[in-house]
C-alpha atoms as a PDB file:
ATOM      1  CA  MET A   1     -68.737 -27.925  13.353  1.00  0.00           C
ATOM      2  CA  PRO A   2     -71.239 -25.231  12.250  1.00  0.00           C
ATOM      3  CA  SER A   3     -74.874 -26.143  12.377  1.00  0.00           C
ATOM      4  CA  GLU A   4     -77.179 -26.172   9.348  1.00  0.00           C
ATOM      5  CA  LYS A   5     -78.557 -22.801  10.406  1.00  0.00           C
ATOM      6  CA  GLN A   6     -75.059 -21.325  10.594  1.00  0.00           C
ATOM      7  CA  LYS A   7     -74.153 -22.799   7.192  1.00  0.00           C
ATOM      8  CA  ALA A   8     -77.217 -21.176   5.619  1.00  0.00           C
ATOM      9  CA  GLN A   9     -76.351 -17.927   7.331  1.00  0.00           C
ATOM     10  CA  LEU A  10     -72.764 -18.087   6.031  1.00  0.00           C
ATOM     11  CA  GLU A  11     -73.922 -18.675   2.465  1.00  0.00           C
ATOM     12  CA  ARG A  12     -76.283 -15.695   2.712  1.00  0.00           C
ATOM     13  CA  LEU A  13     -73.555 -13.461   4.191  1.00  0.00           C
ATOM     14  CA  HIS A  14     -71.030 -14.561   1.590  1.00  0.00           C
ATOM     15  CA  ALA A  15     -73.462 -13.746  -1.210  1.00  0.00           C
ATOM     16  CA  GLN A  16     -73.962 -10.282   0.306  1.00  0.00           C
ATOM     17  CA  ASN A  17     -70.200  -9.689   0.565  1.00  0.00           C
ATOM     18  CA  VAL A  18     -69.095 -10.789  -2.900  1.00  0.00           C
ATOM     19  CA  GLY A  19     -65.392 -10.085  -3.381  1.00  0.00           C
ATOM     20  CA  SER A  20     -64.796  -9.500   0.327  1.00  0.00           C
ATOM     21  CA  LYS A  21     -61.587 -10.807   1.933  1.00  0.00           C
ATOM     22  CA  ARG A  22     -63.275 -11.370   5.278  1.00  0.00           C
ATOM     23  CA  SER A  23     -63.130 -14.850   6.780  1.00  0.00           C
ATOM     24  CA  LYS A  24     -66.133 -16.922   7.836  1.00  0.00           C
ATOM     25  CA  ASP A  25     -65.579 -16.061  11.499  1.00  0.00           C
ATOM     26  CA  ALA A  26     -65.434 -12.358  10.672  1.00  0.00           C
ATOM     27  CA  LEU A  27     -68.722 -12.558   8.750  1.00  0.00           C
ATOM     28  CA  LEU A  28     -70.424 -14.379  11.635  1.00  0.00           C
ATOM     29  CA  ASN A  29     -69.165 -11.806  14.132  1.00  0.00           C
ATOM     30  CA  MET A  30     -70.486  -8.990  11.947  1.00  0.00           C
ATOM     31  CA  SER A  31     -73.877 -10.671  11.793  1.00  0.00           C
ATOM     32  CA  LYS A  32     -74.000 -11.106  15.578  1.00  0.00           C
ATOM     33  CA  ALA A  33     -72.986  -7.487  16.124  1.00  0.00           C
ATOM     34  CA  GLN A  34     -75.774  -6.254  13.828  1.00  0.00           C
ATOM     35  CA  LYS A  35     -78.319  -8.334  15.750  1.00  0.00           C
ATOM     36  CA  ARG A  36     -77.153  -6.872  19.077  1.00  0.00           C
ATOM     37  CA  SER A  37     -77.121  -3.286  17.734  1.00  0.00           C
ATOM     38  CA  PRO A  38     -79.465  -3.208  14.733  1.00  0.00           C
ATOM     39  CA  ASN A  39     -79.341   0.583  14.377  1.00  0.00           C
ATOM     40  CA  LYS A  40     -75.583   0.995  14.888  1.00  0.00           C
ATOM     41  CA  GLY A  41     -73.806   2.328  11.810  1.00  0.00           C
ATOM     42  CA  ARG A  42     -77.012   2.842   9.839  1.00  0.00           C
ATOM     43  CA  PHE A  43     -78.320   6.082   8.419  1.00  0.00           C
ATOM     44  CA  LYS A  44     -80.805   8.023  10.487  1.00  0.00           C
ATOM     45  CA  LYS A  45     -84.009   9.388   9.100  1.00  0.00           C
ATOM     46  CA  GLY A  46     -83.332  12.226   6.673  1.00  0.00           C
ATOM     47  CA  GLN A  47     -79.674  11.288   6.064  1.00  0.00           C
ATOM     48  CA  ASN A  48     -78.387  10.253   2.668  1.00  0.00           C
ATOM     49  CA  GLY A  49     -75.362   8.171   1.766  1.00  0.00           C
ATOM     50  CA  HIS A  50     -72.417   9.780   0.042  1.00  0.00           C
ATOM     51  CA  TRP A  51     -73.065   7.974  -3.251  1.00  0.00           C
ATOM     52  CA  LYS A  52     -76.862   8.250  -3.196  1.00  0.00           C
ATOM     53  CA  GLY A  53     -78.133   9.892  -6.356  1.00  0.00           C
ATOM     54  CA  LYS A  54     -74.715   9.696  -8.043  1.00  0.00           C
ATOM     55  CA  ASN A  55     -74.197   7.577 -11.129  1.00  0.00           C
ATOM     56  CA  HIS A  56     -71.100   6.125 -12.733  1.00  0.00           C
ATOM     57  CA  SER A  57     -69.790   7.877 -15.809  1.00  0.00           C
ATOM     58  CA  GLU A  58     -70.064   6.198 -19.194  1.00  0.00           C
ATOM     59  CA  VAL A  59     -66.319   5.547 -19.214  1.00  0.00           C
ATOM     60  CA  SER A  60     -66.523   3.901 -15.775  1.00  0.00           C
ATOM     61  CA  LYS A  61     -69.464   1.755 -16.894  1.00  0.00           C
ATOM     62  CA  GLN A  62     -67.570   0.609 -20.004  1.00  0.00           C
ATOM     63  CA  LYS A  63     -64.504  -0.315 -17.928  1.00  0.00           C
ATOM     64  CA  THR A  64     -66.613  -2.266 -15.425  1.00  0.00           C
ATOM     65  CA  SER A  65     -68.429  -4.094 -18.223  1.00  0.00           C
ATOM     66  CA  LYS A  66     -65.184  -4.959 -19.977  1.00  0.00           C
ATOM     67  CA  SER A  67     -63.644  -6.224 -16.723  1.00  0.00           C
ATOM     68  CA  LEU A  68     -66.655  -8.430 -15.956  1.00  0.00           C
ATOM     69  CA  LYS A  69     -66.754  -9.829 -19.495  1.00  0.00           C
ATOM     70  CA  GLY A  70     -63.069 -10.725 -19.224  1.00  0.00           C
ATOM     71  CA  ALA A  71     -63.686 -12.456 -15.878  1.00  0.00           C
ATOM     72  CA  TYR A  72     -66.588 -14.422 -17.365  1.00  0.00           C
ATOM     73  CA  ALA A  73     -64.596 -15.410 -20.446  1.00  0.00           C
ATOM     74  CA  GLU A  74     -61.564 -16.565 -18.426  1.00  0.00           C
ATOM     75  CA  GLY A  75     -63.712 -18.501 -15.969  1.00  0.00           C
ATOM     76  CA  ARG A  76     -62.604 -16.391 -13.006  1.00  0.00           C
ATOM     77  CA  HIS A  77     -66.221 -15.577 -12.202  1.00  0.00           C
ATOM     78  CA  VAL A  78     -69.587 -17.197 -12.989  1.00  0.00           C
ATOM     79  CA  LYS A  79     -72.356 -14.895 -14.142  1.00  0.00           C
ATOM     80  CA  ASN A  80     -75.262 -14.373 -11.694  1.00  0.00           C
ATOM     81  CA  GLN A  81     -73.503 -16.581  -9.117  1.00  0.00           C
ATOM     82  CA  PRO A  82     -71.871 -15.556  -5.823  1.00  0.00           C
ATOM     83  CA  CYS A  83     -68.069 -15.755  -5.627  1.00  0.00           C
ATOM     84  CA  PRO A  84     -66.709 -19.001  -4.164  1.00  0.00           C
ATOM     85  CA  GLU A  85     -64.154 -19.003  -1.363  1.00  0.00           C
ATOM     86  CA  ASN A  86     -60.723 -17.541  -2.253  1.00  0.00           C
ATOM     87  CA  CYS A  87     -62.163 -16.021  -5.411  1.00  0.00           C
ATOM     88  CA  GLU A  88     -59.601 -13.986  -7.374  1.00  0.00           C
ATOM     89  CA  CYS A  89     -61.975 -12.141  -9.679  1.00  0.00           C
ATOM     90  CA  TRP A  90     -61.440  -8.942  -7.693  1.00  0.00           C
ATOM     91  CA  GLN A  91     -57.658  -8.941  -8.181  1.00  0.00           C
ATOM     92  CA  HIS A  92     -56.047  -6.527 -10.621  1.00  0.00           C
ATOM     93  CA  THR A  93     -54.135  -7.725 -13.650  1.00  0.00           C
ATOM     94  CA  PRO A  94     -50.346  -7.189 -13.745  1.00  0.00           C
ATOM     95  CA  GLU A  95     -50.820  -4.375 -16.276  1.00  0.00           C
ATOM     96  CA  THR A  96     -53.315  -2.613 -14.018  1.00  0.00           C
ATOM     97  CA  LYS A  97     -51.036  -3.025 -10.998  1.00  0.00           C
ATOM     98  CA  ALA A  98     -48.148  -1.492 -12.933  1.00  0.00           C
ATOM     99  CA  LYS A  99     -50.293   1.462 -14.033  1.00  0.00           C
ATOM    100  CA  ARG A 100     -51.570   2.074 -10.484  1.00  0.00           C
ATOM    101  CA  SER A 101     -48.058   1.893  -9.083  1.00  0.00           C
ATOM    102  CA  GLN A 102     -46.680   4.323 -11.657  1.00  0.00           C
ATOM    103  CA  THR A 103     -49.596   6.703 -11.107  1.00  0.00           C
ATOM    104  CA  ARG A 104     -48.905   6.808  -7.348  1.00  0.00           C
ATOM    105  CA  LYS A 105     -45.182   7.338  -7.922  1.00  0.00           C
ATOM    106  CA  ASP A 106     -45.850  10.207 -10.335  1.00  0.00           C
ATOM    107  CA  TYR A 107     -48.370  11.775  -7.939  1.00  0.00           C
ATOM    108  CA  PHE A 108     -46.049  11.730  -4.923  1.00  0.00           C
ATOM    109  CA  ALA A 109     -43.110  12.924  -7.005  1.00  0.00           C
ATOM    110  CA  LYS A 110     -45.216  15.870  -8.161  1.00  0.00           C
ATOM    111  CA  GLN A 111     -46.341  16.642  -4.602  1.00  0.00           C
ATOM    112  CA  ARG A 112     -42.755  16.583  -3.323  1.00  0.00           C
ATOM    113  CA  ALA A 113     -41.624  18.848  -6.142  1.00  0.00           C
ATOM    114  CA  GLU A 114     -44.467  21.370  -5.790  1.00  0.00           C
ATOM    115  CA  LYS A 115     -45.202  21.378  -2.043  1.00  0.00           C
ATOM    116  CA  GLY A 116     -42.099  19.882  -0.519  1.00  0.00           C
ATOM    117  CA  TYR A 117     -43.840  16.777   0.823  1.00  0.00           C
ATOM    118  CA  GLY A 118     -41.745  13.972   2.257  1.00  0.00           C
ATOM    119  CA  ASN A 119     -39.534  13.544   5.288  1.00  0.00           C
ATOM    120  CA  SER A 120     -36.860  16.169   5.808  1.00  0.00           C
ATOM    121  CA  PRO A 121     -33.201  15.111   6.198  1.00  0.00           C
ATOM    122  CA  GLU A 122     -33.488  15.755   9.940  1.00  0.00           C
ATOM    123  CA  SER A 123     -36.603  13.568  10.156  1.00  0.00           C
ATOM    124  CA  ARG A 124     -34.939  10.760   8.205  1.00  0.00           C
ATOM    125  CA  ARG A 125     -31.901  10.975  10.502  1.00  0.00           C
ATOM    126  CA  LYS A 126     -34.107  10.625  13.598  1.00  0.00           C
ATOM    127  CA  VAL A 127     -35.936   7.642  12.104  1.00  0.00           C
ATOM    128  CA  SER A 128     -32.608   5.987  11.243  1.00  0.00           C
ATOM    129  CA  GLU A 129     -31.238   6.526  14.771  1.00  0.00           C
ATOM    130  CA  THR A 130     -34.420   5.137  16.328  1.00  0.00           C
ATOM    131  CA  LEU A 131     -34.283   2.005  14.181  1.00  0.00           C
ATOM    132  CA  LYS A 132     -30.583   1.453  14.900  1.00  0.00           C
ATOM    133  CA  GLU A 133     -31.175   1.776  18.632  1.00  0.00           C
ATOM    134  CA  GLY A 134     -34.084  -0.667  18.396  1.00  0.00           C
ATOM    135  CA  TYR A 135     -32.069  -3.224  16.446  1.00  0.00           C
ATOM    136  CA  GLU A 136     -29.055  -3.054  18.787  1.00  0.00           C
ATOM    137  CA  SER A 137     -31.124  -3.250  21.974  1.00  0.00           C
ATOM    138  CA  GLY A 138     -33.305  -6.054  20.622  1.00  0.00           C
ATOM    139  CA  ARG A 139     -36.454  -3.985  21.069  1.00  0.00           C
ATOM    140  CA  ILE A 140     -37.092  -4.254  17.327  1.00  0.00           C
ATOM    141  CA  ASP A 141     -36.575  -7.613  15.677  1.00  0.00           C
ATOM    142  CA  ARG A 142     -35.024  -6.971  12.291  1.00  0.00           C
ATOM    143  CA  GLY A 143     -36.910  -8.577   9.443  1.00  0.00           C
ATOM    144  CA  VAL A 144     -40.048  -9.592  11.358  1.00  0.00           C
ATOM    145  CA  GLY A 145     -43.025  -9.385   9.029  1.00  0.00           C
ATOM    146  CA  ARG A 146     -40.819  -8.947   5.973  1.00  0.00           C
ATOM    147  CA  ILE A 147     -41.212 -12.358   4.405  1.00  0.00           C
ATOM    148  CA  VAL A 148     -39.946 -12.115   0.837  1.00  0.00           C
ATOM    149  CA  SER A 149     -40.786 -14.777  -1.719  1.00  0.00           C
ATOM    150  CA  ASP A 150     -38.106 -16.567  -3.727  1.00  0.00           C
ATOM    151  CA  GLU A 151     -39.349 -14.806  -6.849  1.00  0.00           C
ATOM    152  CA  THR A 152     -38.907 -11.397  -5.218  1.00  0.00           C
ATOM    153  CA  ARG A 153     -35.432 -12.342  -3.987  1.00  0.00           C
ATOM    154  CA  GLU A 154     -34.463 -13.347  -7.526  1.00  0.00           C
ATOM    155  CA  LYS A 155     -35.797 -10.028  -8.897  1.00  0.00           C
ATOM    156  CA  GLN A 156     -33.788  -8.119  -6.301  1.00  0.00           C
ATOM    157  CA  ARG A 157     -30.657 -10.092  -7.140  1.00  0.00           C
ATOM    158  CA  LEU A 158     -31.023  -9.468 -10.870  1.00  0.00           C
ATOM    159  CA  ALA A 159     -31.691  -5.765 -10.258  1.00  0.00           C
ATOM    160  CA  HIS A 160     -28.386  -5.416  -8.360  1.00  0.00           C
ATOM    161  CA  GLU A 161     -26.349  -7.787 -10.537  1.00  0.00           C
ATOM    162  CA  GLY A 162     -23.567  -6.022 -12.389  1.00  0.00           C
ATOM    163  CA  VAL A 163     -24.285  -2.648 -10.757  1.00  0.00           C
ATOM    164  CA  PRO A 164     -20.989  -1.341  -9.297  1.00  0.00           C
ATOM    165  CA  LEU A 165     -21.059   0.317  -5.892  1.00  0.00           C
ATOM    166  CA  SER A 166     -20.015   3.933  -5.753  1.00  0.00           C
ATOM    167  CA  GLU A 167     -16.821   4.930  -3.970  1.00  0.00           C
ATOM    168  CA  ALA A 168     -18.830   6.751  -1.292  1.00  0.00           C
ATOM    169  CA  HIS A 169     -21.000   3.645  -0.729  1.00  0.00           C
ATOM    170  CA  CYS A 170     -17.947   1.391  -0.378  1.00  0.00           C
ATOM    171  CA  LYS A 171     -16.384   3.820   2.089  1.00  0.00           C
ATOM    172  CA  LYS A 172     -19.588   3.920   4.126  1.00  0.00           C
ATOM    173  CA  LEU A 173     -19.761   0.097   4.252  1.00  0.00           C
ATOM    174  CA  SER A 174     -16.142  -0.047   5.366  1.00  0.00           C
ATOM    175  CA  GLU A 175     -16.752   2.438   8.196  1.00  0.00           C
ATOM    176  CA  VAL A 176     -19.814   0.517   9.389  1.00  0.00           C
ATOM    177  CA  ARG A 177     -17.998  -2.828   9.457  1.00  0.00           C
ATOM    178  CA  ARG A 178     -14.797  -1.469  10.985  1.00  0.00           C
ATOM    179  CA  GLY A 179     -14.337  -2.593  14.570  1.00  0.00           C
ATOM    180  CA  LYS A 180     -17.366  -4.898  14.481  1.00  0.00           C
ATOM    181  CA  LYS A 181     -17.112  -8.653  14.757  1.00  0.00           C
ATOM    182  CA  GLN A 182     -18.655 -10.030  11.585  1.00  0.00           C
ATOM    183  CA  LYS A 183     -20.920 -13.044  11.677  1.00  0.00           C
ATOM    184  CA  PRO A 184     -18.913 -16.099  10.540  1.00  0.00           C
ATOM    185  CA  ARG A 185     -19.874 -17.408   7.141  1.00  0.00           C
ATOM    186  CA  SER A 186     -21.211 -20.912   6.781  1.00  0.00           C
ATOM    187  CA  VAL A 187     -19.230 -23.636   5.023  1.00  0.00           C
ATOM    188  CA  GLN A 188     -21.599 -23.472   2.050  1.00  0.00           C
ATOM    189  CA  ALA A 189     -21.182 -19.691   1.812  1.00  0.00           C
ATOM    190  CA  ARG A 190     -17.382 -19.967   1.849  1.00  0.00           C
ATOM    191  CA  GLU A 191     -17.485 -22.630  -0.858  1.00  0.00           C
ATOM    192  CA  ASN A 192     -19.765 -20.465  -3.008  1.00  0.00           C
ATOM    193  CA  ILE A 193     -17.428 -17.476  -2.590  1.00  0.00           C
ATOM    194  CA  GLY A 194     -14.458 -19.630  -3.518  1.00  0.00           C
ATOM    195  CA  LYS A 195     -16.152 -20.968  -6.657  1.00  0.00           C
ATOM    196  CA  ALA A 196     -17.237 -17.481  -7.734  1.00  0.00           C
ATOM    197  CA  SER A 197     -13.720 -16.090  -7.178  1.00  0.00           C
ATOM    198  CA  LYS A 198     -12.139 -18.934  -9.146  1.00  0.00           C
ATOM    199  CA  LYS A 199     -14.637 -18.461 -11.992  1.00  0.00           C
ATOM    200  CA  TYR A 200     -13.874 -14.731 -12.117  1.00  0.00           C
ATOM    201  CA  TRP A 201     -10.120 -15.317 -12.019  1.00  0.00           C
ATOM    202  CA  ASP A 202     -10.237 -17.884 -14.824  1.00  0.00           C
ATOM    203  CA  SER A 203     -12.180 -15.422 -16.996  1.00  0.00           C
ATOM    204  CA  LEU A 204      -9.297 -12.882 -16.883  1.00  0.00           C
ATOM    205  CA  THR A 205      -6.503 -12.718 -19.416  1.00  0.00           C
ATOM    206  CA  GLU A 206      -2.876 -13.076 -18.359  1.00  0.00           C
ATOM    207  CA  GLU A 207      -2.359  -9.318 -18.622  1.00  0.00           C
ATOM    208  CA  GLN A 208      -5.457  -8.631 -16.513  1.00  0.00           C
ATOM    209  CA  LYS A 209      -4.239 -11.116 -13.891  1.00  0.00           C
ATOM    210  CA  ARG A 210      -0.889  -9.326 -13.688  1.00  0.00           C
ATOM    211  CA  GLU A 211      -2.578  -5.949 -13.263  1.00  0.00           C
ATOM    212  CA  HIS A 212      -4.889  -7.414 -10.617  1.00  0.00           C
ATOM    213  CA  ALA A 213      -1.931  -8.814  -8.681  1.00  0.00           C
ATOM    214  CA  LYS A 214      -0.088  -5.489  -8.857  1.00  0.00           C
ATOM    215  CA  LYS A 215      -3.116  -3.631  -7.488  1.00  0.00           C
ATOM    216  CA  SER A 216      -3.502  -6.196  -4.717  1.00  0.00           C
ATOM    217  CA  ARG A 217       0.114  -5.727  -3.650  1.00  0.00           C
ATOM    218  CA  ALA A 218      -0.212  -1.951  -3.883  1.00  0.00           C
ATOM    219  CA  ASN A 219      -3.336  -1.971  -1.710  1.00  0.00           C
ATOM    220  CA  GLY A 220      -1.725  -4.225   0.861  1.00  0.00           C
ATOM    221  CA  SER A 221      -4.044  -7.202   0.481  1.00  0.00           C
ATOM    222  CA  GLY A 222      -3.035 -10.420   2.201  1.00  0.00           C
ATOM    223  CA  ALA A 223      -2.913 -11.522   5.814  1.00  0.00           C
ATOM    224  CA  ASN A 224       0.931 -11.366   5.890  1.00  0.00           C
ATOM    225  CA  TRP A 225       1.378  -7.993   4.192  1.00  0.00           C
ATOM    226  CA  LYS A 226       3.283  -5.434   6.269  1.00  0.00           C
ATOM    227  CA  ASN A 227       4.934  -2.129   5.350  1.00  0.00           C
ATOM    228  CA  GLY A 228       4.548  -2.665   1.620  1.00  0.00           C
ATOM    229  CA  VAL A 229       6.034  -6.189   1.434  1.00  0.00           C
ATOM    230  CA  PHE A 230       4.943  -9.759   2.157  1.00  0.00           C
ATOM    231  CA  THR A 231       6.289 -11.207   5.403  1.00  0.00           C
ATOM    232  CA  PRO A 232       6.424 -14.939   6.206  1.00  0.00           C
ATOM    233  CA  ASN A 233       3.854 -16.420   8.576  1.00  0.00           C
ATOM    234  CA  LYS A 234       4.818 -18.888  11.310  1.00  0.00           C
ATOM    235  CA  LEU A 235       4.745 -21.913   9.011  1.00  0.00           C
ATOM    236  CA  GLU A 236       6.785 -20.129   6.338  1.00  0.00           C
ATOM    237  CA  GLN A 237       9.281 -19.005   8.977  1.00  0.00           C
ATOM    238  CA  ARG A 238       9.916 -22.655   9.931  1.00  0.00           C
ATOM    239  CA  VAL A 239      10.274 -23.574   6.261  1.00  0.00           C
ATOM    240  CA  GLN A 240      12.723 -20.680   5.792  1.00  0.00           C
ATOM    241  CA  ALA A 241      14.770 -21.871   8.770  1.00  0.00           C
ATOM    242  CA  TYR A 242      14.944 -25.393   7.298  1.00  0.00           C
ATOM    243  CA  LEU A 243      16.023 -24.073   3.880  1.00  0.00           C
ATOM    244  CA  ASP A 244      18.684 -21.786   5.385  1.00  0.00           C
ATOM    245  CA  GLU A 245      20.101 -24.720   7.376  1.00  0.00           C
ATOM    246  CA  ASN A 246      20.144 -27.282   4.561  1.00  0.00           C
ATOM    247  CA  PHE A 247      20.423 -25.037   1.465  1.00  0.00           C
ATOM    248  CA  PRO A 248      22.308 -21.915   2.588  1.00  0.00           C
ATOM    249  CA  ASP A 249      22.157 -18.835   0.341  1.00  0.00           C
ATOM    250  CA  LYS A 250      20.069 -20.683  -2.250  1.00  0.00           C
ATOM    251  CA  TRP A 251      16.424 -20.079  -1.405  1.00  0.00           C
ATOM    252  CA  ARG A 252      14.778 -16.797  -0.440  1.00  0.00           C
ATOM    253  CA  PHE A 253      11.299 -15.853   0.675  1.00  0.00           C
ATOM    254  CA  ASN A 254       9.324 -13.946  -1.983  1.00  0.00           C
ATOM    255  CA  THR A 255       8.339 -10.528  -0.607  1.00  0.00           C
ATOM    256  CA  GLY A 256       6.009  -9.893  -3.543  1.00  0.00           C
ATOM    257  CA  ASP A 257       8.555  -8.553  -6.029  1.00  0.00           C
ATOM    258  CA  PHE A 258       8.633 -11.740  -8.134  1.00  0.00           C
ATOM    259  CA  LEU A 259       5.531 -12.840 -10.075  1.00  0.00           C
ATOM    260  CA  ILE A 260       4.930 -15.799 -12.341  1.00  0.00           C
ATOM    261  CA  SER A 261       1.777 -15.353 -14.426  1.00  0.00           C
ATOM    262  CA  SER A 262       0.221 -13.147 -11.703  1.00  0.00           C
ATOM    263  CA  PHE A 263       1.070 -15.713  -8.977  1.00  0.00           C
ATOM    264  CA  VAL A 264       3.420 -14.961  -6.073  1.00  0.00           C
ATOM    265  CA  PRO A 265       5.296 -18.166  -5.133  1.00  0.00           C
ATOM    266  CA  ASP A 266       6.346 -18.479  -1.486  1.00  0.00           C
ATOM    267  CA  PHE A 267      10.034 -19.325  -2.051  1.00  0.00           C
ATOM    268  CA  ILE A 268      12.150 -18.910  -5.164  1.00  0.00           C
ATOM    269  CA  CYS A 269      15.499 -20.235  -6.322  1.00  0.00           C
ATOM    270  CA  ALA A 270      16.653 -18.193  -9.314  1.00  0.00           C
ATOM    271  CA  ASP A 271      19.648 -20.444 -10.040  1.00  0.00           C
ATOM    272  CA  ASN A 272      17.649 -23.348 -11.493  1.00  0.00           C
ATOM    273  CA  HIS A 273      14.196 -21.768 -12.002  1.00  0.00           C
ATOM    274  CA  THR A 274      12.541 -23.581  -9.101  1.00  0.00           C
ATOM    275  CA  VAL A 275       9.878 -22.361  -6.700  1.00  0.00           C
ATOM    276  CA  ILE A 276       8.291 -23.710  -3.512  1.00  0.00           C
ATOM    277  CA  GLU A 277       4.638 -23.323  -2.559  1.00  0.00           C
ATOM    278  CA  VAL A 278       3.686 -23.883   1.101  1.00  0.00           C
ATOM    279  CA  PHE A 279       0.050 -24.964   1.398  1.00  0.00           C
ATOM    280  CA  GLY A 280      -1.653 -24.467   4.745  1.00  0.00           C
ATOM    281  CA  ASN A 281      -4.223 -27.105   5.646  1.00  0.00           C
ATOM    282  CA  TYR A 282      -6.980 -24.528   6.145  1.00  0.00           C
ATOM    283  CA  TRP A 283      -6.448 -21.870   3.497  1.00  0.00           C
ATOM    284  CA  HIS A 284      -5.587 -24.300   0.699  1.00  0.00           C
ATOM    285  CA  ARG A 285      -7.926 -27.139   1.697  1.00  0.00           C
ATOM    286  CA  ASN A 286     -10.004 -26.845  -1.522  1.00  0.00           C
ATOM    287  CA  GLU A 287      -7.111 -26.097  -3.863  1.00  0.00           C
ATOM    288  CA  ASN A 288      -5.588 -28.491  -6.364  1.00  0.00           C
ATOM    289  CA  PRO A 289      -1.766 -28.097  -6.338  1.00  0.00           C
ATOM    290  CA  ASN A 290      -1.453 -29.487  -9.863  1.00  0.00           C
ATOM    291  CA  ARG A 291      -3.073 -26.304 -11.209  1.00  0.00           C
ATOM    292  CA  LYS A 292      -0.222 -24.099 -10.010  1.00  0.00           C
ATOM    293  CA  LYS A 293       2.366 -26.682 -11.016  1.00  0.00           C
ATOM    294  CA  THR A 294       1.048 -26.670 -14.592  1.00  0.00           C
ATOM    295  CA  ILE A 295       1.046 -22.863 -14.791  1.00  0.00           C
ATOM    296  CA  TYR A 296       4.600 -22.631 -13.431  1.00  0.00           C
ATOM    297  CA  LYS A 297       5.765 -25.372 -15.786  1.00  0.00           C
ATOM    298  CA  ASN A 298       4.350 -23.529 -18.804  1.00  0.00           C
ATOM    299  CA  CYS A 299       6.344 -20.482 -17.688  1.00  0.00           C
ATOM    300  CA  GLY A 300       9.573 -22.500 -17.400  1.00  0.00           C
ATOM    301  CA  PHE A 301       9.620 -23.045 -13.616  1.00  0.00           C
ATOM    302  CA  ALA A 302       9.558 -26.264 -11.624  1.00  0.00           C
ATOM    303  CA  CYS A 303       7.334 -26.194  -8.556  1.00  0.00           C
ATOM    304  CA  VAL A 304       7.525 -28.047  -5.247  1.00  0.00           C
ATOM    305  CA  VAL A 305       4.335 -28.120  -3.145  1.00  0.00           C
ATOM    306  CA  ILE A 306       4.653 -28.971   0.540  1.00  0.00           C
ATOM    307  CA  TRP A 307       1.557 -29.255   2.735  1.00  0.00           C
ATOM    308  CA  GLU A 308       1.473 -28.049   6.330  1.00  0.00           C
ATOM    309  CA  HIS A 309       0.799 -31.496   7.788  1.00  0.00           C
ATOM    310  CA  GLU A 310       3.579 -33.045   5.676  1.00  0.00           C
ATOM    311  CA  PHE A 311       6.160 -30.552   6.906  1.00  0.00           C
ATOM    312  CA  ASN A 312       4.988 -30.879  10.523  1.00  0.00           C
ATOM    313  CA  GLN A 313       5.320 -34.661  10.421  1.00  0.00           C
ATOM    314  CA  ASN A 314       8.692 -34.764   8.607  1.00  0.00           C
ATOM    315  CA  PRO A 315      10.578 -31.593   7.591  1.00  0.00           C
ATOM    316  CA  GLU A 316      13.095 -33.734   5.681  1.00  0.00           C
ATOM    317  CA  TYR A 317      10.336 -34.581   3.227  1.00  0.00           C
ATOM    318  CA  LEU A 318      10.763 -31.089   1.738  1.00  0.00           C
ATOM    319  CA  GLY A 319      14.417 -31.861   1.024  1.00  0.00           C
ATOM    320  CA  GLU A 320      13.409 -35.113  -0.672  1.00  0.00           C
ATOM    321  CA  LEU A 321      10.951 -33.236  -2.913  1.00  0.00           C
ATOM    322  CA  ILE A 322      13.618 -30.709  -3.898  1.00  0.00           C
ATOM    323  CA  ALA A 323      16.131 -33.464  -4.643  1.00  0.00           C
ATOM    324  CA  SER A 324      13.616 -35.313  -6.828  1.00  0.00           C
ATOM    325  CA  LEU A 325      13.390 -32.443  -9.322  1.00  0.00           C
END
């Protein structure tokens, strides 16, 4: 605890450093240093300070007076009284901050245009390589000291929302990620992606969904897409073997050439307008099968949904579902 003498000294130092950001310890250390070296940093005989004999312009005086009056009126500062701790009277208003920022941007833009200031492409390349090497080796901890507030994060998100990435940018991202093991997404992140994808898909018209599905097939999207067609995975291969044994020449695997309202059913039977959807426990864990059944029904097709665990426990259950239609 500071003594009474130290408290009085702090109050005197704080009054002398109105608007200063220095802490109490810093002010005490400055006072001790001045006592040890009373002449250090002071002007010698015959020397004048830079601002000695210079006065503020009338415009500067008017701005200072207006600023102080505003601080008095808003209660940010008390007239003829020293600033309390954490005083904010010295801070600029948002309008002033915006003007100062724009002025600096205009100044540096002018300097770069007239005198070629700024890092050259070679210099920027060297800086980028140094940072990459530091991140990969662990010498530089990415993000240390860059604490961004929630408000700033929201501003950044809104600034990038709806802005499409250029083709060159997408290609660059693809090259960077290629061959690198990506950090696995959390369960919450996967759920958010799924909800956003479903919301986007529901906002499309039927024609847009068909075009989207055609582009997906043309680009080869899908884990079981090979040589321009869909190929069955291991579970679908076992289902195909069961269908060929119990329903020969009736069911066929859909290679992507048959769409129903932009959906690609797994197995189709054209004779009686029936389709089969095979739901894996992992990929379809958050999906409601009734949604697809309703869509297929509205298009004139009956749908059988068989889950992976159901088929593994009893393959004959698929035959019972088909017979119940």
